[in-house]
Amino acid sequence: MRFTWDIFCTVIDNFGDIGVTWRLARQLAAEHDLDVRLWVDDLGAFVRLCPSADASLAVQEVQGVAVHYWAAQWSPVAAADVVIEAFACELPPAYIAGMQGRERPSLWLNLEYLSAEAWVDDCHGLPSPQGKGLQKYFFFPGFSTRSGGLLREAGLIARRRAFQCDIAAQQAFLHDIGVARASGHRLISLFCYENSALSSLLDALAESVQPSLLLVPEGCVSAGLKSYFGLEHISRDHSYERGALTVQLIPFLSQQDYDYLLWSCDLNFVRGEDSFIRAQWAARPFIWHIYPQQDEVHIDKLQAFLDRFSVCLDGACSEVLSALSMDWNEGRNMAQSWRRYDAASPVLAGHTADWSARLAEGENLAYSLVQFHQNWL
């Protein structure tokens, strides 16, 4: 029997929510032979990640997944065997009624945001009765064996290793996105939210001994870059220099090309959830700009990850990484923390590669979801 799966996604964090659910939908269809429908309320954001899609189509088949526009006015459809409510979005009441009305009610999974906090392990897989035979289960991605694991498609690590060993492949990719890397330049990608610490980071890079080429996806922190360079407009047609720093805008990339970018760079600034996970599979040093939340709840989540990431890291280097990460996320001046981070970067690079290898020994999220369904049947 070939099971049907529905994944519902509302776009909140521009690309983090749809990025995770799109990767998950593709993997479930390709590696587990499932009929997958992805319901998304912002096709414009989806097309930015998947340029082969068409934002004008209400229904389209893309890479083995049926992608549906989730309109405000819901049109009833048959409920799937497994229903994933991604990141606590609210399912249409008529759809929930359809889940209840099946001969065997649908398996309802609330796919939560990724967190390294300890309580996640205790809450993963817990049921929440919804009435009329339905139970909602809370499914937590995570970094431990007691969680749902992380999204990692088959063969990803082997492809990344091959690419990072192939200088010609890296040069060809960079050439395709309009980048010429000069010898001796550190290559850094910057994907973040608008950040008051940006100017101090740029100053620190400009004053560094080693020259840096900073690659910024078009549309990202454009206001901050214009302010820093005193310009009314910035474009991909020019690069912008100050001291040892060169800033270049690059196209907004598909998910596959974004992986190539992360794999090519010496350091990656990432944001949200999707790019945060992909940076860890890149096995290159990264700094996470976590999605801001009220009452600074996000800072606790950031610290929980740093604590987990730093378990096998030298205490002094752990403090250096924490200082830079907190300065970046709290909008503080980064001059001092960057200098200390720069000095510790060789140790941090080796530690990040080891961390990535350890993570790759764990289970992947798609497989965990499929196994949860099998055990539920």
Protein backbone atom coordinates (compact mmCIF):
# COMPACT_ATOMS: atom_id res chain seq x y z
CA MET A 1 0.00 0.00 0.00
CA ARG A 2 1.32 3.44 -0.95
CA PHE A 3 0.49 5.93 1.79
CA THR A 4 -0.58 9.53 1.26
CA TRP A 5 1.00 12.36 3.21
CA ASP A 6 -0.11 15.99 3.46
CA ILE A 7 2.29 18.67 4.74
CA PHE A 8 0.86 22.08 5.63
CA CYS A 9 3.10 25.14 5.82
CA THR A 10 2.41 28.80 6.51
CA VAL A 11 5.32 31.04 5.58
CA ILE A 12 6.38 33.09 8.61
CA ASP A 13 10.17 33.29 8.45
CA ASN A 14 10.25 34.03 4.69
CA PHE A 15 12.29 30.94 3.79
CA GLY A 16 12.93 28.89 6.93
CA ASP A 17 9.47 27.31 7.17
CA ILE A 18 9.00 26.56 3.49
CA GLY A 19 12.66 25.58 3.19
CA VAL A 20 12.31 22.81 5.78
CA THR A 21 8.93 21.55 4.55
CA TRP A 22 9.98 21.55 0.89
CA ARG A 23 13.11 19.51 1.67
CA LEU A 24 11.04 17.12 3.79
CA ALA A 25 8.36 16.69 1.12
CA ARG A 26 10.97 15.90 -1.56
CA GLN A 27 12.74 13.40 0.64
CA LEU A 28 9.56 11.57 1.65
CA ALA A 29 8.53 11.24 -2.00
CA ALA A 30 11.95 10.32 -3.39
CA GLU A 31 13.32 8.03 -0.68
CA HIS A 32 10.17 6.49 0.80
CA ASP A 33 7.86 6.17 -2.25
CA LEU A 34 5.05 8.19 -0.69
CA ASP A 35 2.34 10.30 -2.33
CA VAL A 36 3.09 13.72 -0.88
CA ARG A 37 1.12 16.94 -1.13
CA LEU A 38 2.71 20.16 0.12
CA TRP A 39 0.24 22.91 1.00
CA VAL A 40 1.84 26.37 1.19
CA ASP A 41 0.20 29.77 1.61
CA ASP A 42 2.96 31.78 -0.11
CA LEU A 43 3.99 30.41 -3.49
CA GLY A 44 6.21 33.43 -4.09
CA ALA A 45 8.54 32.34 -1.28
CA PHE A 46 8.43 28.76 -2.57
CA VAL A 47 9.47 29.80 -6.09
CA ARG A 48 12.47 31.69 -4.72
CA LEU A 49 13.75 28.36 -3.38
CA CYS A 50 12.57 26.31 -6.36
CA PRO A 51 12.82 28.44 -9.53
CA SER A 52 11.36 25.67 -11.72
CA ALA A 53 7.98 26.11 -9.97
CA ASP A 54 5.25 28.52 -11.10
CA ALA A 55 3.74 30.88 -8.53
CA SER A 56 0.61 31.32 -10.65
CA LEU A 57 -0.45 27.64 -10.47
CA ALA A 58 -2.80 26.47 -7.74
CA VAL A 59 -1.61 22.87 -8.20
CA GLN A 60 1.63 21.66 -9.77
CA GLU A 61 3.87 18.61 -9.74
CA VAL A 62 7.43 19.53 -8.75
CA GLN A 63 10.18 16.95 -8.24
CA GLY A 64 7.70 14.22 -7.37
CA VAL A 65 5.67 16.37 -4.96
CA ALA A 66 2.19 17.77 -5.60
CA VAL A 67 2.50 21.42 -4.53
CA HIS A 68 -0.82 23.10 -3.69
CA TYR A 69 -1.55 26.73 -3.00
CA TRP A 70 -3.16 26.88 0.44
CA ALA A 71 -5.78 29.55 -0.16
CA ALA A 72 -7.59 31.38 2.63
CA GLN A 73 -10.82 30.02 1.21
CA TRP A 74 -10.42 26.26 1.73
CA SER A 75 -11.73 23.85 -0.93
CA PRO A 76 -12.42 20.42 0.62
CA VAL A 77 -10.15 17.51 -0.36
CA ALA A 78 -9.80 13.97 0.95
CA ALA A 79 -7.60 13.85 4.05
CA ALA A 80 -4.31 11.96 3.80
CA ASP A 81 -3.13 8.94 5.79
CA VAL A 82 -0.54 11.12 7.52
CA VAL A 83 -0.97 14.85 8.08
CA ILE A 84 1.92 17.08 9.11
CA GLU A 85 1.02 20.42 10.65
CA ALA A 86 4.36 22.19 10.28
CA PHE A 87 5.42 24.59 13.01
CA ALA A 88 2.02 24.82 14.71
CA CYS A 89 0.13 26.20 11.71
CA GLU A 90 -3.65 25.78 12.01
CA LEU A 91 -5.33 23.22 9.75
CA PRO A 92 -8.64 24.13 8.09
CA PRO A 93 -11.56 22.94 10.26
CA ALA A 94 -13.13 21.18 7.27
CA TYR A 95 -9.91 19.26 6.70
CA ILE A 96 -9.79 18.19 10.36
CA ALA A 97 -13.36 16.93 10.00
CA GLY A 98 -12.20 14.90 7.01
CA MET A 99 -9.37 13.41 9.09
CA GLN A 100 -11.93 12.33 11.69
CA GLY A 101 -14.34 10.94 9.11
CA ARG A 102 -11.93 8.46 7.57
CA GLU A 103 -12.43 4.74 8.26
CA ARG A 104 -9.16 4.97 10.15
CA PRO A 105 -8.48 8.55 11.31
CA SER A 106 -5.39 10.23 9.93
CA LEU A 107 -2.14 10.24 11.87
CA TRP A 108 -1.76 13.89 12.86
CA LEU A 109 1.77 15.14 13.52
CA ASN A 110 2.71 18.60 14.73
CA LEU A 111 6.23 19.10 13.38
CA GLU A 112 7.87 21.53 15.78
CA TYR A 113 10.74 23.96 15.32
CA LEU A 114 14.24 22.63 15.89
CA SER A 115 15.66 23.21 19.35
CA ALA A 116 18.66 21.94 21.29
CA GLU A 117 16.95 22.47 24.65
CA ALA A 118 16.89 19.48 26.99
CA TRP A 119 13.09 19.43 27.42
CA VAL A 120 12.65 18.52 23.73
CA ASP A 121 13.62 14.90 24.37
CA ASP A 122 10.90 14.50 26.99
CA CYS A 123 8.19 16.04 24.80
CA HIS A 124 9.04 14.31 21.54
CA GLY A 125 6.29 11.92 20.43
CA LEU A 126 3.79 12.88 23.13
CA PRO A 127 0.10 12.59 22.13
CA SER A 128 -2.59 15.22 22.48
CA PRO A 129 -6.16 13.82 22.16
CA GLN A 130 -8.28 15.89 19.76
CA GLY A 131 -11.61 14.06 20.03
CA LYS A 132 -13.53 11.76 17.68
CA GLY A 133 -10.66 9.29 17.45
CA LEU A 134 -7.98 11.83 16.52
CA GLN A 135 -4.72 12.27 18.36
CA LYS A 136 -2.11 14.88 17.55
CA TYR A 137 1.50 13.88 18.23
CA PHE A 138 4.24 16.40 18.86
CA PHE A 139 7.27 15.62 16.72
CA PHE A 140 10.49 17.41 17.55
CA PRO A 141 13.57 17.55 15.33
CA GLY A 142 16.68 17.54 17.46
CA PHE A 143 20.27 16.65 18.09
CA SER A 144 19.89 13.60 20.34
CA THR A 145 18.84 10.00 19.77
CA ARG A 146 15.63 10.67 21.73
CA SER A 147 14.47 13.32 19.27
CA GLY A 148 13.29 13.09 15.66
CA GLY A 149 16.74 13.86 14.24
CA LEU A 150 17.66 16.28 11.45
CA LEU A 151 16.77 16.49 7.79
CA ARG A 152 19.53 14.80 5.78
CA GLU A 153 18.84 13.28 2.39
CA ALA A 154 20.60 10.11 1.22
CA GLY A 155 24.10 10.67 -0.14
CA LEU A 156 24.33 14.28 1.06
CA ILE A 157 27.56 13.91 3.02
CA ALA A 158 29.30 12.01 0.21
CA ARG A 159 28.30 14.69 -2.31
CA ARG A 160 29.51 17.45 -0.03
CA ARG A 161 32.87 15.76 0.53
CA ALA A 162 33.36 15.20 -3.19
CA PHE A 163 32.54 18.84 -3.95
CA GLN A 164 34.87 20.18 -1.27
CA CYS A 165 37.70 18.05 -2.65
CA ASP A 166 37.11 19.32 -6.19
CA ILE A 167 38.61 22.80 -6.60
CA ALA A 168 37.50 22.98 -10.23
CA ALA A 169 33.89 22.26 -9.29
CA GLN A 170 33.97 25.02 -6.67
CA GLN A 171 35.47 27.51 -9.12
CA ALA A 172 32.87 26.59 -11.75
CA PHE A 173 30.02 27.11 -9.29
CA LEU A 174 31.36 30.46 -8.12
CA HIS A 175 31.87 31.55 -11.73
CA ASP A 176 28.24 30.65 -12.51
CA ILE A 177 27.02 33.04 -9.79
CA GLY A 178 29.40 35.77 -10.88
CA VAL A 179 32.09 35.36 -8.23
CA ALA A 180 35.85 35.36 -8.86
CA ARG A 181 37.72 34.39 -5.71
CA ALA A 182 41.13 36.02 -5.41
CA SER A 183 43.99 33.98 -3.98
CA GLY A 184 44.38 34.42 -0.24
CA HIS A 185 40.91 35.85 0.30
CA ARG A 186 38.68 34.36 2.97
CA LEU A 187 35.26 33.56 1.48
CA ILE A 188 32.28 34.32 3.74
CA SER A 189 28.55 34.02 3.06
CA LEU A 190 26.13 36.29 4.89
CA PHE A 191 22.46 35.32 5.15
CA CYS A 192 20.83 37.04 8.10
CA TYR A 193 18.03 39.29 9.30
CA GLU A 194 18.56 43.04 9.47
CA ASN A 195 21.02 43.46 12.31
CA SER A 196 22.34 46.52 14.15
CA ALA A 197 25.65 44.69 14.65
CA LEU A 198 26.26 44.53 10.89
CA SER A 199 28.33 47.71 10.60
CA SER A 200 30.70 46.62 13.38
CA LEU A 201 31.14 43.22 11.72
CA LEU A 202 31.95 44.89 8.41
CA ASP A 203 34.41 47.21 10.16
CA ALA A 204 36.10 44.25 11.81
CA LEU A 205 36.48 42.47 8.46
CA ALA A 206 37.76 45.66 6.84
CA GLU A 207 40.42 46.01 9.53
CA SER A 208 41.51 42.34 9.48
CA VAL A 209 44.94 41.29 8.26
CA GLN A 210 43.46 38.66 5.95
CA PRO A 211 41.30 40.05 3.12
CA SER A 212 37.71 38.80 2.97
CA LEU A 213 35.19 38.47 0.16
CA LEU A 214 31.72 38.67 1.68
CA LEU A 215 28.92 37.19 -0.47
CA VAL A 216 25.42 38.46 0.30
CA PRO A 217 22.25 37.12 -1.38
CA GLU A 218 20.37 39.87 -3.16
CA GLY A 219 17.70 41.40 -0.92
CA CYS A 220 19.42 40.38 2.33
CA VAL A 221 20.35 43.25 4.73
CA SER A 222 20.24 45.67 1.80
CA ALA A 223 19.36 48.61 4.05
CA GLY A 224 22.35 47.92 6.29
CA LEU A 225 24.75 47.61 3.37
CA LYS A 226 23.53 50.82 1.73
CA SER A 227 23.93 52.67 5.01
CA TYR A 228 27.41 51.26 5.60
CA PHE A 229 28.74 52.26 2.20
CA GLY A 230 26.77 55.53 2.06
CA LEU A 231 24.89 54.58 -1.10
CA GLU A 232 21.32 54.98 -2.26
CA HIS A 233 21.46 51.78 -4.30
CA ILE A 234 23.53 48.62 -4.35
CA SER A 235 23.51 46.04 -7.12
CA ARG A 236 25.14 42.87 -8.36
CA ASP A 237 26.88 44.87 -11.07
CA HIS A 238 29.45 46.23 -8.62
CA SER A 239 31.52 45.08 -5.69
CA TYR A 240 32.03 47.34 -2.68
CA GLU A 241 35.35 47.69 -0.89
CA ARG A 242 36.60 49.07 2.38
CA GLY A 243 40.03 48.15 3.72
CA ALA A 244 40.51 44.37 3.58
CA LEU A 245 36.80 43.79 2.91
CA THR A 246 35.08 43.29 -0.44
CA VAL A 247 31.29 42.88 -0.45
CA GLN A 248 29.56 41.34 -3.44
CA LEU A 249 25.86 40.71 -3.94
CA ILE A 250 24.95 37.35 -5.45
CA PRO A 251 21.65 36.00 -6.81
CA PHE A 252 19.18 34.50 -4.37
CA LEU A 253 19.97 30.82 -4.84
CA SER A 254 17.96 27.63 -5.13
CA GLN A 255 18.38 25.18 -2.27
CA GLN A 256 20.88 23.06 -4.21
CA ASP A 257 22.99 26.06 -5.18
CA TYR A 258 22.82 27.39 -1.64
CA ASP A 259 24.34 24.11 -0.47
CA TYR A 260 27.16 24.65 -2.96
CA LEU A 261 27.69 28.14 -1.57
CA LEU A 262 27.90 26.87 2.02
CA TRP A 263 30.29 24.11 0.93
CA SER A 264 32.53 26.64 -0.87
CA CYS A 265 32.87 29.21 1.92
CA ASP A 266 35.32 29.35 4.81
CA LEU A 267 32.67 30.81 7.14
CA ASN A 268 28.89 31.01 6.85
CA PHE A 269 26.52 33.38 8.62
CA VAL A 270 23.09 31.73 8.51
CA ARG A 271 19.63 32.47 9.83
CA GLY A 272 16.40 30.75 10.86
CA GLU A 273 16.22 26.96 10.69
CA ASP A 274 16.76 25.66 7.16
CA SER A 275 20.08 27.39 6.44
CA PHE A 276 21.17 26.67 10.04
CA ILE A 277 20.82 22.92 9.46
CA ARG A 278 22.46 23.05 6.04
CA ALA A 279 25.42 24.95 7.47
CA GLN A 280 26.06 22.08 9.85
CA TRP A 281 26.09 19.57 6.99
CA ALA A 282 28.58 21.86 5.21
CA ALA A 283 31.13 21.08 7.95
CA ARG A 284 32.45 24.64 7.80
CA PRO A 285 32.41 27.19 10.64
CA PHE A 286 29.10 29.07 10.95
CA ILE A 287 27.41 31.75 13.03
CA TRP A 288 23.67 31.42 13.59
CA HIS A 289 21.30 34.39 13.55
CA ILE A 290 18.33 32.81 15.29
CA TYR A 291 14.81 34.07 14.53
CA PRO A 292 14.06 36.80 17.11
CA GLN A 293 11.24 36.14 19.57
CA GLN A 294 9.52 38.18 22.26
CA ASP A 295 11.10 38.31 25.73
CA GLU A 296 14.37 37.10 24.15
CA VAL A 297 13.27 33.47 24.32
CA HIS A 298 15.45 32.90 21.24
CA ILE A 299 18.58 33.72 23.25
CA ASP A 300 17.90 30.78 25.55
CA LYS A 301 17.54 28.55 22.50
CA LEU A 302 20.77 29.89 21.04
CA GLN A 303 22.62 29.24 24.30
CA ALA A 304 21.22 25.70 24.46
CA PHE A 305 22.65 24.99 21.02
CA LEU A 306 26.01 26.55 21.84
CA ASP A 307 26.21 24.45 25.02
CA ARG A 308 25.52 21.27 23.08
CA PHE A 309 27.83 22.20 20.20
CA SER A 310 30.70 23.05 22.57
CA VAL A 311 30.73 19.87 24.66
CA CYS A 312 33.98 18.62 23.08
CA LEU A 313 35.42 22.08 22.45
CA ASP A 314 38.23 23.70 24.42
CA GLY A 315 36.78 25.97 27.08
CA ALA A 316 38.50 29.12 25.82
CA CYS A 317 37.33 28.53 22.25
CA SER A 318 33.84 27.79 23.49
CA GLU A 319 33.74 31.17 25.22
CA VAL A 320 35.03 32.88 22.06
CA LEU A 321 32.29 31.32 19.93
CA SER A 322 29.61 32.17 22.49
CA ALA A 323 30.76 35.81 22.73
CA LEU A 324 30.64 36.35 18.96
CA SER A 325 27.30 34.57 18.61
CA MET A 326 25.71 36.61 21.40
CA ASP A 327 27.10 39.90 20.11
CA TRP A 328 25.69 39.11 16.68
CA ASN A 329 22.27 38.08 17.95
CA GLU A 330 21.94 40.91 20.46
CA GLY A 331 23.13 43.62 18.08
CA ARG A 332 26.26 44.56 20.01
CA ASN A 333 29.59 45.83 18.71
CA MET A 334 31.56 42.88 17.34
CA ALA A 335 35.06 44.38 17.08
CA GLN A 336 36.58 42.56 20.06
CA SER A 337 34.66 39.30 19.73
CA TRP A 338 35.54 39.08 16.02
CA ARG A 339 39.28 39.50 16.68
CA ARG A 340 39.17 36.71 19.24
CA TYR A 341 37.07 34.51 16.95
CA ASP A 342 39.43 35.13 14.03
CA ALA A 343 42.40 33.98 16.12
CA ALA A 344 40.57 30.81 17.19
CA SER A 345 39.20 30.00 13.73
CA PRO A 346 41.55 27.06 12.93
CA VAL A 347 40.45 25.22 16.07
CA LEU A 348 36.81 26.05 15.45
CA ALA A 349 37.06 24.81 11.87
CA GLY A 350 38.30 21.41 13.00
CA HIS A 351 35.68 21.19 15.72
CA THR A 352 32.87 22.04 13.31
CA ALA A 353 33.98 19.31 10.91
CA ASP A 354 33.98 16.80 13.77
CA TRP A 355 30.55 17.99 14.91
CA SER A 356 29.12 17.52 11.43
CA ALA A 357 30.54 13.99 11.22
CA ARG A 358 28.99 13.06 14.57
CA LEU A 359 25.62 14.47 13.54
CA ALA A 360 25.70 12.43 10.35
CA GLU A 361 25.81 9.24 12.43
CA GLY A 362 22.34 10.06 13.78
CA GLU A 363 18.93 9.37 12.25
CA ASN A 364 17.41 11.67 9.69
CA LEU A 365 14.06 13.34 10.27
CA ALA A 366 12.25 11.92 7.24
CA TYR A 367 13.11 8.35 8.22
CA SER A 368 12.03 9.01 11.82
CA LEU A 369 8.65 10.27 10.63
CA VAL A 370 8.11 7.24 8.42
CA GLN A 371 9.07 4.89 11.27
CA PHE A 372 6.72 6.69 13.64
CA HIS A 373 3.88 6.07 11.19
CA GLN A 374 4.83 2.41 10.78
CA ASN A 375 4.85 1.91 14.55
CA TRP A 376 1.50 3.71 14.88
CA LEU A 377 -0.27 1.49 12.33
